[in-house]
Amino acid sequence: MTTFSVQGQITPLGPYQFQLHIPGSQVPHVLYLLLSVLTLGLWLPVWLFHVMIAKGDRLHVIAVDEYGGVWHDRTVWWPPPAVRP
């Protein structure tokens, strides 16, 4: 069995449904500005790369149907969908 660890806030939406709020990563702009000034701009590529890959807040809806299937954002998550040959 696989388990996942996610840090976030869980809000119930119904008896078999909840919303998972995962906070995004934040870029320390003041620190990066100071480092860019002190290194005469050598830190700018690192700053720009961090801004490009930083993720915003995400909301996910998890639900369990009457057959025990787990749905994640309206896509079946468990049990996996049947594979047709």
Protein backbone atom coordinates (compact mmCIF):
# COMPACT_ATOMS: atom_id res chain seq x y z
CA MET A 1 0.00 0.00 0.00
CA THR A 2 1.29 3.44 -0.89
CA THR A 3 0.77 6.41 1.39
CA PHE A 4 1.29 10.05 0.53
CA SER A 5 2.22 12.92 2.78
CA VAL A 6 0.90 16.34 1.81
CA GLN A 7 0.99 19.42 3.96
CA GLY A 8 -2.17 21.42 3.60
CA GLN A 9 -5.52 22.29 5.10
CA ILE A 10 -8.47 19.91 4.77
CA THR A 11 -11.99 21.34 4.66
CA PRO A 12 -15.00 18.98 4.62
CA LEU A 13 -17.49 19.66 1.79
CA GLY A 14 -19.92 16.84 2.52
CA PRO A 15 -20.13 13.42 4.09
CA TYR A 16 -17.77 11.79 1.57
CA GLN A 17 -16.06 14.78 0.01
CA PHE A 18 -13.42 17.26 1.14
CA GLN A 19 -11.26 20.04 -0.23
CA LEU A 20 -7.48 20.06 0.18
CA HIS A 21 -5.75 23.45 0.12
CA ILE A 22 -2.00 23.22 -0.50
CA PRO A 23 -0.11 26.49 -0.01
CA GLY A 24 2.37 27.41 -2.71
CA SER A 25 6.04 28.15 -2.32
CA GLN A 26 7.12 31.72 -1.76
CA VAL A 27 10.12 33.52 -3.21
CA PRO A 28 12.14 35.67 -0.75
CA HIS A 29 12.29 38.73 -3.03
CA VAL A 30 13.98 41.07 -0.55
CA LEU A 31 16.77 38.57 0.15
CA TYR A 32 17.25 37.88 -3.56
CA LEU A 33 17.37 41.61 -4.32
CA LEU A 34 20.06 42.06 -1.67
CA LEU A 35 22.04 39.09 -3.01
CA SER A 36 21.73 40.40 -6.58
CA VAL A 37 23.08 43.80 -5.54
CA LEU A 38 25.94 42.30 -3.49
CA THR A 39 26.98 39.91 -6.30
CA LEU A 40 26.63 42.60 -8.99
CA GLY A 41 23.79 40.77 -10.73
CA LEU A 42 25.22 37.25 -10.63
CA TRP A 43 22.28 36.11 -8.46
CA LEU A 44 19.67 37.32 -11.00
CA PRO A 45 19.49 34.01 -12.97
CA VAL A 46 18.84 32.10 -9.73
CA TRP A 47 16.15 34.59 -8.76
CA LEU A 48 14.43 34.38 -12.15
CA PHE A 49 14.59 30.57 -12.15
CA HIS A 50 13.05 30.44 -8.66
CA VAL A 51 10.24 32.79 -9.73
CA MET A 52 9.53 30.62 -12.79
CA ILE A 53 9.26 27.35 -10.86
CA ALA A 54 7.43 28.74 -7.80
CA LYS A 55 3.94 27.31 -7.56
CA GLY A 56 0.85 29.15 -6.40
CA ASP A 57 -1.80 27.88 -4.03
CA ARG A 58 -3.64 24.78 -5.21
CA LEU A 59 -7.12 23.49 -4.39
CA HIS A 60 -8.04 19.83 -4.87
CA VAL A 61 -11.38 18.09 -4.33
CA ILE A 62 -11.24 14.49 -3.07
CA ALA A 63 -14.42 12.39 -3.03
CA VAL A 64 -15.39 8.78 -2.34
CA ASP A 65 -18.30 7.35 -4.34
CA GLU A 66 -20.80 4.70 -3.21
CA TYR A 67 -18.61 1.91 -4.63
CA GLY A 68 -15.49 2.93 -2.70
CA GLY A 69 -13.77 4.60 -5.65
CA VAL A 70 -11.64 7.60 -4.73
CA TRP A 71 -11.98 10.58 -7.06
CA HIS A 72 -9.44 13.38 -7.32
CA ASP A 73 -10.63 16.52 -9.13
CA ARG A 74 -13.35 14.52 -10.97
CA THR A 75 -10.85 11.90 -12.17
CA VAL A 76 -10.91 8.39 -10.73
CA TRP A 77 -7.84 7.86 -8.59
CA TRP A 78 -8.46 4.51 -6.90
CA PRO A 79 -9.19 1.84 -7.97
CA PRO A 80 -7.29 2.47 -11.18
CA PRO A 81 -9.41 2.43 -14.34
CA ALA A 82 -9.57 -0.91 -16.15
CA VAL A 83 -7.03 -1.30 -18.94
CA ARG A 84 -8.48 -2.60 -22.18
CA PRO A 85 -6.27 -4.81 -24.38
